[in-house]
Amino acid sequence: MKYRIGVDLGGTKMCAGLVDEDYKIIDKLRALTGAERESGAILGDLAALCREVCEKNGVDFASVEGIGIAIPGAVVPETGVVVYSCNLPTFKFLSVTEELKKLTDGKQIEIANDANAAALGEAVAGAAKGTKSSVMITLGTGVGGGVILDGKILTGINGAAAELGHTVVKTDGELCSCGRRGCFEVYSSATALKRQTRDAIKRAIALNIETEMISAVGGDPENADTRTAFECAKNGDSEAQKLVCEYVKNLGCGLTNMINTFQPEVLSIGGGISGEGDYLLKPLLPIIEHEQYTRDFGVQTKLKIAELGNDAGIIGAAALIS
């Protein structure tokens, strides 16, 4: 049996998974990142964690084919350099591959943006398994994205391709953190849905509009989360249903843009909101079917819920090792 190690390196914690040749995680270990520390200390702990997960499972570290790392931020996979990462402030213009090779007896080291790694994970072992082309979006703090073409991550000339959350769905719309207006993630991220729900509750309180959402948050709009509107909508609350309808309409617009641009075999949706399952997919499908350029073609993109959850980044990182 051949093994690789996939690492999901975040600002709060790192997770190293021992992955077999069928892309199954044998075991995984976690440790705190301590993102404020020097990069050398963080990479030292990462290397130690990789050795530890092997030792725990009776695998000789020397036999491991390589280590792939999913990292948040701007990375250049071809050179192994992290240009910058908001979550890892000491990783600026850092050659992660060269530094880690020194700590792992010269092993093959590959890196990828975390959203790209998750997309690759879904392509090799999840919702898009068996396909050559796929797109994955993650509805989280922002809208993360990854594009797989011919089985490989689309990185662009500078490693920054597939920033799908920063495509525009409304010109002259709300201001995004990137400086543009009307970005996809301003309307469709988990952060956006929470903001929209809180605003709707505040408006309902101010105008004395009846809605279950008020009681669901105990009268405090700040208690709203990504499930509040969906749960109330399922219970028949008309105000919540209007909010969810608008959210899904904007999400459908963004997804249609992805389909029209890449024509993937599968487009998968990850992140906490994807847990709504069919309640999310069913209203999305007619929007996409009506809006997509290829609506009259025989072959269409399949819209799916991502399957791997938090393991997608680990599996995708391991899949970087050839």
C-alpha atoms as a PDB file:
ATOM      1  CA  MET A   1       0.000   0.000   0.000  1.00  0.00           C
ATOM      2  CA  LYS A   2       1.255   3.457  -0.933  1.00  0.00           C
ATOM      3  CA  TYR A   3       0.620   6.441   1.307  1.00  0.00           C
ATOM      4  CA  ARG A   4       0.643  10.214   1.017  1.00  0.00           C
ATOM      5  CA  ILE A   5       0.026  12.871   3.607  1.00  0.00           C
ATOM      6  CA  GLY A   6      -2.475  15.669   3.089  1.00  0.00           C
ATOM      7  CA  VAL A   7      -2.367  18.704   5.362  1.00  0.00           C
ATOM      8  CA  ASP A   8      -5.057  21.341   5.820  1.00  0.00           C
ATOM      9  CA  LEU A   9      -3.175  24.311   7.279  1.00  0.00           C
ATOM     10  CA  GLY A  10      -5.379  27.047   8.712  1.00  0.00           C
ATOM     11  CA  GLY A  11      -4.886  30.062  10.903  1.00  0.00           C
ATOM     12  CA  THR A  12      -6.352  28.335  13.972  1.00  0.00           C
ATOM     13  CA  LYS A  13      -5.390  24.702  13.511  1.00  0.00           C
ATOM     14  CA  MET A  14      -3.560  22.320  11.217  1.00  0.00           C
ATOM     15  CA  CYS A  15      -4.727  18.818  10.371  1.00  0.00           C
ATOM     16  CA  ALA A  16      -2.507  16.120   8.850  1.00  0.00           C
ATOM     17  CA  GLY A  17      -4.151  13.081   7.273  1.00  0.00           C
ATOM     18  CA  LEU A  18      -2.537   9.803   6.232  1.00  0.00           C
ATOM     19  CA  VAL A  19      -4.141   9.001   2.872  1.00  0.00           C
ATOM     20  CA  ASP A  20      -3.935   5.728   0.951  1.00  0.00           C
ATOM     21  CA  GLU A  21      -3.741   5.213  -2.819  1.00  0.00           C
ATOM     22  CA  ASP A  22      -7.554   5.087  -3.061  1.00  0.00           C
ATOM     23  CA  TYR A  23      -7.769   8.554  -1.461  1.00  0.00           C
ATOM     24  CA  LYS A  24      -9.173   7.215   1.792  1.00  0.00           C
ATOM     25  CA  ILE A  25      -8.046   8.876   5.013  1.00  0.00           C
ATOM     26  CA  ILE A  26      -6.544   6.234   7.289  1.00  0.00           C
ATOM     27  CA  ASP A  27      -6.173   8.603  10.221  1.00  0.00           C
ATOM     28  CA  LYS A  28      -5.704  12.295  10.935  1.00  0.00           C
ATOM     29  CA  LEU A  29      -4.202  14.357  13.717  1.00  0.00           C
ATOM     30  CA  ARG A  30      -4.743  17.999  14.638  1.00  0.00           C
ATOM     31  CA  ALA A  31      -2.653  20.640  16.343  1.00  0.00           C
ATOM     32  CA  LEU A  32      -3.003  24.358  17.023  1.00  0.00           C
ATOM     33  CA  THR A  33      -1.298  26.526  14.421  1.00  0.00           C
ATOM     34  CA  GLY A  34      -0.386  29.569  16.478  1.00  0.00           C
ATOM     35  CA  ALA A  35      -0.544  31.753  13.384  1.00  0.00           C
ATOM     36  CA  GLU A  36       1.217  34.681  15.050  1.00  0.00           C
ATOM     37  CA  ARG A  37       4.432  32.645  15.372  1.00  0.00           C
ATOM     38  CA  GLU A  38       7.347  32.640  12.950  1.00  0.00           C
ATOM     39  CA  SER A  39       6.798  30.511   9.868  1.00  0.00           C
ATOM     40  CA  GLY A  40       9.688  28.227  10.775  1.00  0.00           C
ATOM     41  CA  ALA A  41       8.050  27.235  14.057  1.00  0.00           C
ATOM     42  CA  ILE A  42       4.744  26.534  12.327  1.00  0.00           C
ATOM     43  CA  LEU A  43       6.364  24.408   9.633  1.00  0.00           C
ATOM     44  CA  GLY A  44       8.360  22.571  12.279  1.00  0.00           C
ATOM     45  CA  ASP A  45       5.153  21.590  14.060  1.00  0.00           C
ATOM     46  CA  LEU A  46       3.591  20.622  10.730  1.00  0.00           C
ATOM     47  CA  ALA A  47       6.483  18.304   9.893  1.00  0.00           C
ATOM     48  CA  ALA A  48       6.317  16.764  13.367  1.00  0.00           C
ATOM     49  CA  LEU A  49       2.563  16.182  12.992  1.00  0.00           C
ATOM     50  CA  CYS A  50       3.147  14.383   9.685  1.00  0.00           C
ATOM     51  CA  ARG A  51       5.677  12.082  11.308  1.00  0.00           C
ATOM     52  CA  GLU A  52       3.357  11.495  14.255  1.00  0.00           C
ATOM     53  CA  VAL A  53       0.377  10.402  12.142  1.00  0.00           C
ATOM     54  CA  CYS A  54       2.619   7.868  10.396  1.00  0.00           C
ATOM     55  CA  GLU A  55       4.076   6.538  13.639  1.00  0.00           C
ATOM     56  CA  LYS A  56       0.635   6.202  15.212  1.00  0.00           C
ATOM     57  CA  ASN A  57      -0.519   3.996  12.322  1.00  0.00           C
ATOM     58  CA  GLY A  58       2.601   1.883  11.945  1.00  0.00           C
ATOM     59  CA  VAL A  59       3.682   3.464   8.663  1.00  0.00           C
ATOM     60  CA  ASP A  60       7.357   4.173   8.028  1.00  0.00           C
ATOM     61  CA  PHE A  61       7.621   7.909   7.358  1.00  0.00           C
ATOM     62  CA  ALA A  62      10.421   7.204   4.876  1.00  0.00           C
ATOM     63  CA  SER A  63       7.979   5.226   2.712  1.00  0.00           C
ATOM     64  CA  VAL A  64       5.476   8.086   2.367  1.00  0.00           C
ATOM     65  CA  GLU A  65       5.482   9.376  -1.221  1.00  0.00           C
ATOM     66  CA  GLY A  66       5.100  13.034  -0.345  1.00  0.00           C
ATOM     67  CA  ILE A  67       3.202  15.733   1.515  1.00  0.00           C
ATOM     68  CA  GLY A  68       0.583  18.026  -0.001  1.00  0.00           C
ATOM     69  CA  ILE A  69      -0.543  21.144   1.828  1.00  0.00           C
ATOM     70  CA  ALA A  70      -3.740  23.175   1.443  1.00  0.00           C
ATOM     71  CA  ILE A  71      -3.056  26.777   2.459  1.00  0.00           C
ATOM     72  CA  PRO A  72      -5.428  29.774   2.628  1.00  0.00           C
ATOM     73  CA  GLY A  73      -4.299  32.735   0.567  1.00  0.00           C
ATOM     74  CA  ALA A  74      -2.350  33.436  -2.597  1.00  0.00           C
ATOM     75  CA  VAL A  75       0.047  30.650  -3.509  1.00  0.00           C
ATOM     76  CA  VAL A  76       2.108  29.813  -6.585  1.00  0.00           C
ATOM     77  CA  PRO A  77       2.025  26.010  -6.831  1.00  0.00           C
ATOM     78  CA  GLU A  78       4.712  25.827  -9.518  1.00  0.00           C
ATOM     79  CA  THR A  79       7.307  27.452  -7.261  1.00  0.00           C
ATOM     80  CA  GLY A  80       5.902  26.366  -3.911  1.00  0.00           C
ATOM     81  CA  VAL A  81       5.746  29.958  -2.682  1.00  0.00           C
ATOM     82  CA  VAL A  82       3.036  31.471  -0.503  1.00  0.00           C
ATOM     83  CA  VAL A  83       2.762  35.093  -1.634  1.00  0.00           C
ATOM     84  CA  TYR A  84       0.550  36.078   1.295  1.00  0.00           C
ATOM     85  CA  SER A  85      -2.088  34.655   3.586  1.00  0.00           C
ATOM     86  CA  CYS A  86      -4.370  36.741   5.795  1.00  0.00           C
ATOM     87  CA  ASN A  87      -4.704  33.767   8.154  1.00  0.00           C
ATOM     88  CA  LEU A  88      -0.943  33.125   8.290  1.00  0.00           C
ATOM     89  CA  PRO A  89       0.684  36.578   8.490  1.00  0.00           C
ATOM     90  CA  THR A  90       4.271  35.282   8.705  1.00  0.00           C
ATOM     91  CA  PHE A  91       3.850  33.325   5.462  1.00  0.00           C
ATOM     92  CA  LYS A  92       4.755  36.182   3.128  1.00  0.00           C
ATOM     93  CA  PHE A  93       6.755  35.315   0.022  1.00  0.00           C
ATOM     94  CA  LEU A  94       7.664  32.093   1.801  1.00  0.00           C
ATOM     95  CA  SER A  95       9.020  29.074  -0.091  1.00  0.00           C
ATOM     96  CA  VAL A  96       7.064  26.453   1.811  1.00  0.00           C
ATOM     97  CA  THR A  97       8.253  23.570  -0.353  1.00  0.00           C
ATOM     98  CA  GLU A  98      11.938  24.338   0.149  1.00  0.00           C
ATOM     99  CA  GLU A  99      11.578  24.879   3.893  1.00  0.00           C
ATOM    100  CA  LEU A 100       9.572  21.698   4.407  1.00  0.00           C
ATOM    101  CA  LYS A 101      11.911  19.564   2.326  1.00  0.00           C
ATOM    102  CA  LYS A 102      14.620  20.378   4.858  1.00  0.00           C
ATOM    103  CA  LEU A 103      12.358  19.151   7.666  1.00  0.00           C
ATOM    104  CA  THR A 104      11.105  15.979   5.960  1.00  0.00           C
ATOM    105  CA  ASP A 105      14.256  14.342   4.577  1.00  0.00           C
ATOM    106  CA  GLY A 106      13.774  15.823   1.114  1.00  0.00           C
ATOM    107  CA  LYS A 107      10.257  14.540   0.482  1.00  0.00           C
ATOM    108  CA  GLN A 108       8.183  15.773  -2.444  1.00  0.00           C
ATOM    109  CA  ILE A 109       6.212  18.769  -1.178  1.00  0.00           C
ATOM    110  CA  GLU A 110       3.337  20.364  -3.091  1.00  0.00           C
ATOM    111  CA  ILE A 111       1.082  23.251  -2.091  1.00  0.00           C
ATOM    112  CA  ALA A 112      -2.252  24.613  -3.280  1.00  0.00           C
ATOM    113  CA  ASN A 113      -4.762  27.239  -2.249  1.00  0.00           C
ATOM    114  CA  ASP A 114      -7.183  25.626   0.202  1.00  0.00           C
ATOM    115  CA  ALA A 115     -10.264  26.152  -1.987  1.00  0.00           C
ATOM    116  CA  ASN A 116      -8.465  24.635  -4.972  1.00  0.00           C
ATOM    117  CA  ALA A 117      -7.362  21.672  -2.875  1.00  0.00           C
ATOM    118  CA  ALA A 118     -10.943  21.099  -1.722  1.00  0.00           C
ATOM    119  CA  ALA A 119     -12.130  21.148  -5.340  1.00  0.00           C
ATOM    120  CA  LEU A 120      -9.483  18.575  -6.247  1.00  0.00           C
ATOM    121  CA  GLY A 121     -10.544  16.437  -3.297  1.00  0.00           C
ATOM    122  CA  GLU A 122     -14.151  16.405  -4.511  1.00  0.00           C
ATOM    123  CA  ALA A 123     -12.885  15.564  -8.011  1.00  0.00           C
ATOM    124  CA  VAL A 124     -10.877  12.506  -6.971  1.00  0.00           C
ATOM    125  CA  ALA A 125     -13.040  11.139  -4.163  1.00  0.00           C
ATOM    126  CA  GLY A 126     -16.260  13.116  -3.745  1.00  0.00           C
ATOM    127  CA  ALA A 127     -19.175  14.588  -5.665  1.00  0.00           C
ATOM    128  CA  ALA A 128     -17.188  14.911  -8.918  1.00  0.00           C
ATOM    129  CA  LYS A 129     -15.360  11.571  -8.737  1.00  0.00           C
ATOM    130  CA  GLY A 130     -14.852  10.054 -12.178  1.00  0.00           C
ATOM    131  CA  THR A 131     -15.071  13.378 -14.029  1.00  0.00           C
ATOM    132  CA  LYS A 132     -12.383  15.294 -15.886  1.00  0.00           C
ATOM    133  CA  SER A 133     -13.890  18.737 -15.366  1.00  0.00           C
ATOM    134  CA  SER A 134     -15.614  20.138 -12.300  1.00  0.00           C
ATOM    135  CA  VAL A 135     -16.151  23.280 -10.282  1.00  0.00           C
ATOM    136  CA  MET A 136     -16.613  23.493  -6.537  1.00  0.00           C
ATOM    137  CA  ILE A 137     -17.743  26.521  -4.589  1.00  0.00           C
ATOM    138  CA  THR A 138     -17.701  26.811  -0.815  1.00  0.00           C
ATOM    139  CA  LEU A 139     -20.208  29.102   0.857  1.00  0.00           C
ATOM    140  CA  GLY A 140     -18.375  30.284   3.961  1.00  0.00           C
ATOM    141  CA  THR A 141     -16.989  33.574   5.232  1.00  0.00           C
ATOM    142  CA  GLY A 142     -16.619  34.381   1.543  1.00  0.00           C
ATOM    143  CA  VAL A 143     -17.264  32.273  -1.539  1.00  0.00           C
ATOM    144  CA  GLY A 144     -14.277  30.049  -2.187  1.00  0.00           C
ATOM    145  CA  GLY A 145     -13.863  28.347  -5.513  1.00  0.00           C
ATOM    146  CA  GLY A 146     -11.822  25.812  -7.377  1.00  0.00           C
ATOM    147  CA  VAL A 147     -11.860  24.704 -11.006  1.00  0.00           C
ATOM    148  CA  ILE A 148     -10.620  21.328 -12.216  1.00  0.00           C
ATOM    149  CA  LEU A 149      -9.949  20.963 -15.954  1.00  0.00           C
ATOM    150  CA  ASP A 150      -8.644  17.698 -17.423  1.00  0.00           C
ATOM    151  CA  GLY A 151      -8.055  16.489 -13.880  1.00  0.00           C
ATOM    152  CA  LYS A 152      -5.822  19.414 -12.922  1.00  0.00           C
ATOM    153  CA  ILE A 153      -6.350  22.553 -10.854  1.00  0.00           C
ATOM    154  CA  LEU A 154      -6.764  25.702 -12.939  1.00  0.00           C
ATOM    155  CA  THR A 155      -4.255  28.095 -11.357  1.00  0.00           C
ATOM    156  CA  GLY A 156      -3.701  30.784 -14.000  1.00  0.00           C
ATOM    157  CA  ILE A 157      -0.407  32.543 -14.681  1.00  0.00           C
ATOM    158  CA  ASN A 158       0.027  33.642 -11.060  1.00  0.00           C
ATOM    159  CA  GLY A 159      -1.728  30.959  -9.042  1.00  0.00           C
ATOM    160  CA  ALA A 160      -4.727  33.200  -8.373  1.00  0.00           C
ATOM    161  CA  ALA A 161      -7.256  31.828 -10.879  1.00  0.00           C
ATOM    162  CA  ALA A 162     -10.792  30.817  -9.900  1.00  0.00           C
ATOM    163  CA  GLU A 163     -11.510  33.557  -7.374  1.00  0.00           C
ATOM    164  CA  LEU A 164     -15.130  32.816  -8.168  1.00  0.00           C
ATOM    165  CA  GLY A 165     -16.486  34.806  -5.249  1.00  0.00           C
ATOM    166  CA  HIS A 166     -15.217  37.983  -6.891  1.00  0.00           C
ATOM    167  CA  THR A 167     -17.183  37.688 -10.102  1.00  0.00           C
ATOM    168  CA  VAL A 168     -19.918  40.319 -10.236  1.00  0.00           C
ATOM    169  CA  VAL A 169     -23.614  39.445 -10.064  1.00  0.00           C
ATOM    170  CA  LYS A 170     -24.901  43.016  -9.570  1.00  0.00           C
ATOM    171  CA  THR A 171     -23.197  45.997 -11.151  1.00  0.00           C
ATOM    172  CA  ASP A 172     -23.184  48.972  -8.771  1.00  0.00           C
ATOM    173  CA  GLY A 173     -24.148  46.566  -5.982  1.00  0.00           C
ATOM    174  CA  GLU A 174     -22.879  46.403  -2.425  1.00  0.00           C
ATOM    175  CA  LEU A 175     -19.192  47.059  -1.769  1.00  0.00           C
ATOM    176  CA  CYS A 176     -17.001  43.971  -1.420  1.00  0.00           C
ATOM    177  CA  SER A 177     -13.851  43.692   0.683  1.00  0.00           C
ATOM    178  CA  CYS A 178     -11.886  43.354  -2.573  1.00  0.00           C
ATOM    179  CA  GLY A 179     -12.891  46.892  -3.602  1.00  0.00           C
ATOM    180  CA  ARG A 180     -15.378  45.947  -6.329  1.00  0.00           C
ATOM    181  CA  ARG A 181     -19.127  46.276  -6.095  1.00  0.00           C
ATOM    182  CA  GLY A 182     -21.697  43.538  -6.466  1.00  0.00           C
ATOM    183  CA  CYS A 183     -19.390  40.542  -6.026  1.00  0.00           C
ATOM    184  CA  PHE A 184     -20.926  37.074  -5.843  1.00  0.00           C
ATOM    185  CA  GLU A 185     -19.729  36.554  -2.267  1.00  0.00           C
ATOM    186  CA  VAL A 186     -21.363  39.783  -1.057  1.00  0.00           C
ATOM    187  CA  TYR A 187     -24.736  38.166  -1.794  1.00  0.00           C
ATOM    188  CA  SER A 188     -24.174  34.413  -1.522  1.00  0.00           C
ATOM    189  CA  SER A 189     -21.620  33.694   1.212  1.00  0.00           C
ATOM    190  CA  ALA A 190     -22.650  32.428   4.642  1.00  0.00           C
ATOM    191  CA  THR A 191     -21.620  35.835   5.963  1.00  0.00           C
ATOM    192  CA  ALA A 192     -23.990  37.483   3.494  1.00  0.00           C
ATOM    193  CA  LEU A 193     -26.920  35.262   4.462  1.00  0.00           C
ATOM    194  CA  LYS A 194     -26.411  36.035   8.156  1.00  0.00           C
ATOM    195  CA  ARG A 195     -26.287  39.765   7.393  1.00  0.00           C
ATOM    196  CA  GLN A 196     -29.404  39.572   5.219  1.00  0.00           C
ATOM    197  CA  THR A 197     -31.271  37.655   7.925  1.00  0.00           C
ATOM    198  CA  ARG A 198     -30.308  40.135  10.640  1.00  0.00           C
ATOM    199  CA  ASP A 199     -31.315  43.069   8.454  1.00  0.00           C
ATOM    200  CA  ALA A 200     -34.677  41.436   7.698  1.00  0.00           C
ATOM    201  CA  ILE A 201     -35.348  40.866  11.400  1.00  0.00           C
ATOM    202  CA  LYS A 202     -34.406  44.459  12.277  1.00  0.00           C
ATOM    203  CA  ARG A 203     -36.739  45.708   9.561  1.00  0.00           C
ATOM    204  CA  ALA A 204     -39.561  43.456  10.777  1.00  0.00           C
ATOM    205  CA  ILE A 205     -39.168  44.710  14.347  1.00  0.00           C
ATOM    206  CA  ALA A 206     -39.070  48.355  13.236  1.00  0.00           C
ATOM    207  CA  LEU A 207     -42.145  48.025  11.009  1.00  0.00           C
ATOM    208  CA  ASN A 208     -44.037  45.617  13.283  1.00  0.00           C
ATOM    209  CA  ILE A 209     -44.063  42.886  10.631  1.00  0.00           C
ATOM    210  CA  GLU A 210     -44.960  39.418  11.900  1.00  0.00           C
ATOM    211  CA  THR A 211     -42.286  36.802  11.274  1.00  0.00           C
ATOM    212  CA  GLU A 212     -41.175  33.642  13.033  1.00  0.00           C
ATOM    213  CA  MET A 213     -37.585  34.796  12.602  1.00  0.00           C
ATOM    214  CA  ILE A 214     -37.977  37.262  15.491  1.00  0.00           C
ATOM    215  CA  SER A 215     -38.905  34.570  18.012  1.00  0.00           C
ATOM    216  CA  ALA A 216     -36.314  32.193  16.526  1.00  0.00           C
ATOM    217  CA  VAL A 217     -33.546  34.576  17.610  1.00  0.00           C
ATOM    218  CA  GLY A 218     -35.128  35.505  20.939  1.00  0.00           C
ATOM    219  CA  GLY A 219     -35.856  39.012  19.715  1.00  0.00           C
ATOM    220  CA  ASP A 220     -32.170  39.785  19.131  1.00  0.00           C
ATOM    221  CA  PRO A 221     -31.223  40.008  15.421  1.00  0.00           C
ATOM    222  CA  GLU A 222     -27.567  39.410  16.293  1.00  0.00           C
ATOM    223  CA  ASN A 223     -28.453  35.826  17.257  1.00  0.00           C
ATOM    224  CA  ALA A 224     -29.352  34.990  13.652  1.00  0.00           C
ATOM    225  CA  ASP A 225     -27.190  32.444  11.862  1.00  0.00           C
ATOM    226  CA  THR A 226     -27.160  30.789   8.441  1.00  0.00           C
ATOM    227  CA  ARG A 227     -29.941  28.369   9.402  1.00  0.00           C
ATOM    228  CA  THR A 228     -32.420  30.888  10.806  1.00  0.00           C
ATOM    229  CA  ALA A 229     -34.050  31.964   7.541  1.00  0.00           C
ATOM    230  CA  PHE A 230     -34.073  28.465   6.025  1.00  0.00           C
ATOM    231  CA  GLU A 231     -35.623  26.862   9.130  1.00  0.00           C
ATOM    232  CA  CYS A 232     -38.331  29.510   9.372  1.00  0.00           C
ATOM    233  CA  ALA A 233     -38.999  29.296   5.631  1.00  0.00           C
ATOM    234  CA  LYS A 234     -39.508  25.536   5.940  1.00  0.00           C
ATOM    235  CA  ASN A 235     -42.087  26.262   8.637  1.00  0.00           C
ATOM    236  CA  GLY A 236     -44.040  28.437   6.206  1.00  0.00           C
ATOM    237  CA  ASP A 237     -42.974  31.887   7.385  1.00  0.00           C
ATOM    238  CA  SER A 238     -43.591  34.227   4.440  1.00  0.00           C
ATOM    239  CA  GLU A 239     -40.906  36.787   5.360  1.00  0.00           C
ATOM    240  CA  ALA A 240     -38.284  34.055   5.658  1.00  0.00           C
ATOM    241  CA  GLN A 241     -39.439  32.541   2.381  1.00  0.00           C
ATOM    242  CA  LYS A 242     -38.991  35.879   0.613  1.00  0.00           C
ATOM    243  CA  LEU A 243     -35.484  36.211   2.049  1.00  0.00           C
ATOM    244  CA  VAL A 244     -34.499  32.670   1.019  1.00  0.00           C
ATOM    245  CA  CYS A 245     -35.983  33.201  -2.447  1.00  0.00           C
ATOM    246  CA  GLU A 246     -33.830  36.307  -2.986  1.00  0.00           C
ATOM    247  CA  TYR A 247     -30.744  34.531  -1.633  1.00  0.00           C
ATOM    248  CA  VAL A 248     -31.274  31.552  -3.947  1.00  0.00           C
ATOM    249  CA  LYS A 249     -31.870  33.856  -6.928  1.00  0.00           C
ATOM    250  CA  ASN A 250     -28.496  35.546  -6.420  1.00  0.00           C
ATOM    251  CA  LEU A 251     -26.792  32.208  -5.799  1.00  0.00           C
ATOM    252  CA  GLY A 252     -28.318  30.841  -8.989  1.00  0.00           C
ATOM    253  CA  CYS A 253     -27.019  33.829 -10.944  1.00  0.00           C
ATOM    254  CA  GLY A 254     -23.479  33.211  -9.721  1.00  0.00           C
ATOM    255  CA  LEU A 255     -23.635  29.471 -10.365  1.00  0.00           C
ATOM    256  CA  THR A 256     -24.960  30.029 -13.868  1.00  0.00           C
ATOM    257  CA  ASN A 257     -21.976  32.278 -14.548  1.00  0.00           C
ATOM    258  CA  MET A 258     -19.696  29.397 -13.503  1.00  0.00           C
ATOM    259  CA  ILE A 259     -21.482  26.952 -15.772  1.00  0.00           C
ATOM    260  CA  ASN A 260     -21.478  29.325 -18.745  1.00  0.00           C
ATOM    261  CA  THR A 261     -17.757  29.966 -18.269  1.00  0.00           C
ATOM    262  CA  PHE A 262     -16.424  26.457 -17.623  1.00  0.00           C
ATOM    263  CA  GLN A 263     -19.151  23.989 -18.708  1.00  0.00           C
ATOM    264  CA  PRO A 264     -18.037  21.467 -16.068  1.00  0.00           C
ATOM    265  CA  GLU A 265     -19.414  17.963 -15.798  1.00  0.00           C
ATOM    266  CA  VAL A 266     -20.241  18.628 -12.136  1.00  0.00           C
ATOM    267  CA  LEU A 267     -20.653  21.789 -10.084  1.00  0.00           C
ATOM    268  CA  SER A 268     -20.635  21.003  -6.360  1.00  0.00           C
ATOM    269  CA  ILE A 269     -21.616  23.249  -3.467  1.00  0.00           C
ATOM    270  CA  GLY A 270     -19.841  23.001  -0.120  1.00  0.00           C
ATOM    271  CA  GLY A 271     -19.852  24.916   3.143  1.00  0.00           C
ATOM    272  CA  GLY A 272     -22.404  25.012   5.934  1.00  0.00           C
ATOM    273  CA  ILE A 273     -25.293  26.247   3.775  1.00  0.00           C
ATOM    274  CA  SER A 274     -24.936  23.172   1.548  1.00  0.00           C
ATOM    275  CA  GLY A 275     -26.351  21.230   4.509  1.00  0.00           C
ATOM    276  CA  GLU A 276     -29.791  22.456   3.400  1.00  0.00           C
ATOM    277  CA  GLY A 277     -29.546  19.791   0.693  1.00  0.00           C
ATOM    278  CA  ASP A 278     -32.571  19.480  -1.576  1.00  0.00           C
ATOM    279  CA  TYR A 279     -34.211  22.530  -0.019  1.00  0.00           C
ATOM    280  CA  LEU A 280     -31.357  24.496  -1.562  1.00  0.00           C
ATOM    281  CA  LEU A 281     -30.959  22.505  -4.785  1.00  0.00           C
ATOM    282  CA  LYS A 282     -34.596  22.265  -5.863  1.00  0.00           C
ATOM    283  CA  PRO A 283     -35.194  26.025  -6.316  1.00  0.00           C
ATOM    284  CA  LEU A 284     -31.725  26.461  -7.830  1.00  0.00           C
ATOM    285  CA  LEU A 285     -32.234  23.981 -10.654  1.00  0.00           C
ATOM    286  CA  PRO A 286     -34.997  25.846 -12.555  1.00  0.00           C
ATOM    287  CA  ILE A 287     -33.055  29.121 -12.268  1.00  0.00           C
ATOM    288  CA  ILE A 288     -29.944  27.549 -13.758  1.00  0.00           C
ATOM    289  CA  GLU A 289     -31.862  25.604 -16.397  1.00  0.00           C
ATOM    290  CA  HIS A 290     -33.529  28.808 -17.576  1.00  0.00           C
ATOM    291  CA  GLU A 291     -30.465  31.053 -17.457  1.00  0.00           C
ATOM    292  CA  GLN A 292     -27.623  28.871 -18.708  1.00  0.00           C
ATOM    293  CA  TYR A 293     -26.377  29.396 -22.233  1.00  0.00           C
ATOM    294  CA  THR A 294     -26.475  25.667 -23.014  1.00  0.00           C
ATOM    295  CA  ARG A 295     -30.079  25.103 -21.896  1.00  0.00           C
ATOM    296  CA  ASP A 296     -30.974  23.527 -25.253  1.00  0.00           C
ATOM    297  CA  PHE A 297     -27.953  21.204 -25.344  1.00  0.00           C
ATOM    298  CA  GLY A 298     -28.363  17.515 -24.597  1.00  0.00           C
ATOM    299  CA  VAL A 299     -25.518  17.334 -22.082  1.00  0.00           C
ATOM    300  CA  GLN A 300     -25.830  19.518 -18.993  1.00  0.00           C
ATOM    301  CA  THR A 301     -23.768  20.236 -15.893  1.00  0.00           C
ATOM    302  CA  LYS A 302     -24.886  18.275 -12.837  1.00  0.00           C
ATOM    303  CA  LEU A 303     -25.441  20.356  -9.716  1.00  0.00           C
ATOM    304  CA  LYS A 304     -24.550  18.476  -6.526  1.00  0.00           C
ATOM    305  CA  ILE A 305     -23.896  18.955  -2.846  1.00  0.00           C
ATOM    306  CA  ALA A 306     -20.221  18.398  -1.994  1.00  0.00           C
ATOM    307  CA  GLU A 307     -19.639  15.099  -0.195  1.00  0.00           C
ATOM    308  CA  LEU A 308     -16.344  15.280   1.685  1.00  0.00           C
ATOM    309  CA  GLY A 309     -16.927  18.126   4.123  1.00  0.00           C
ATOM    310  CA  ASN A 310     -13.809  19.167   6.023  1.00  0.00           C
ATOM    311  CA  ASP A 311     -11.878  16.201   4.594  1.00  0.00           C
ATOM    312  CA  ALA A 312     -11.923  17.648   1.064  1.00  0.00           C
ATOM    313  CA  GLY A 313      -8.838  19.799   1.636  1.00  0.00           C
ATOM    314  CA  ILE A 314      -6.833  16.931   3.139  1.00  0.00           C
ATOM    315  CA  ILE A 315      -7.702  14.532   0.321  1.00  0.00           C
ATOM    316  CA  GLY A 316      -7.109  17.185  -2.337  1.00  0.00           C
ATOM    317  CA  ALA A 317      -3.760  18.088  -0.801  1.00  0.00           C
ATOM    318  CA  ALA A 318      -2.725  14.432  -0.848  1.00  0.00           C
ATOM    319  CA  ALA A 319      -3.813  14.212  -4.489  1.00  0.00           C
ATOM    320  CA  LEU A 320      -1.235  16.883  -5.380  1.00  0.00           C
ATOM    321  CA  ILE A 321       1.471  14.241  -4.933  1.00  0.00           C
ATOM    322  CA  SER A 322       2.179  12.411  -8.176  1.00  0.00           C
END
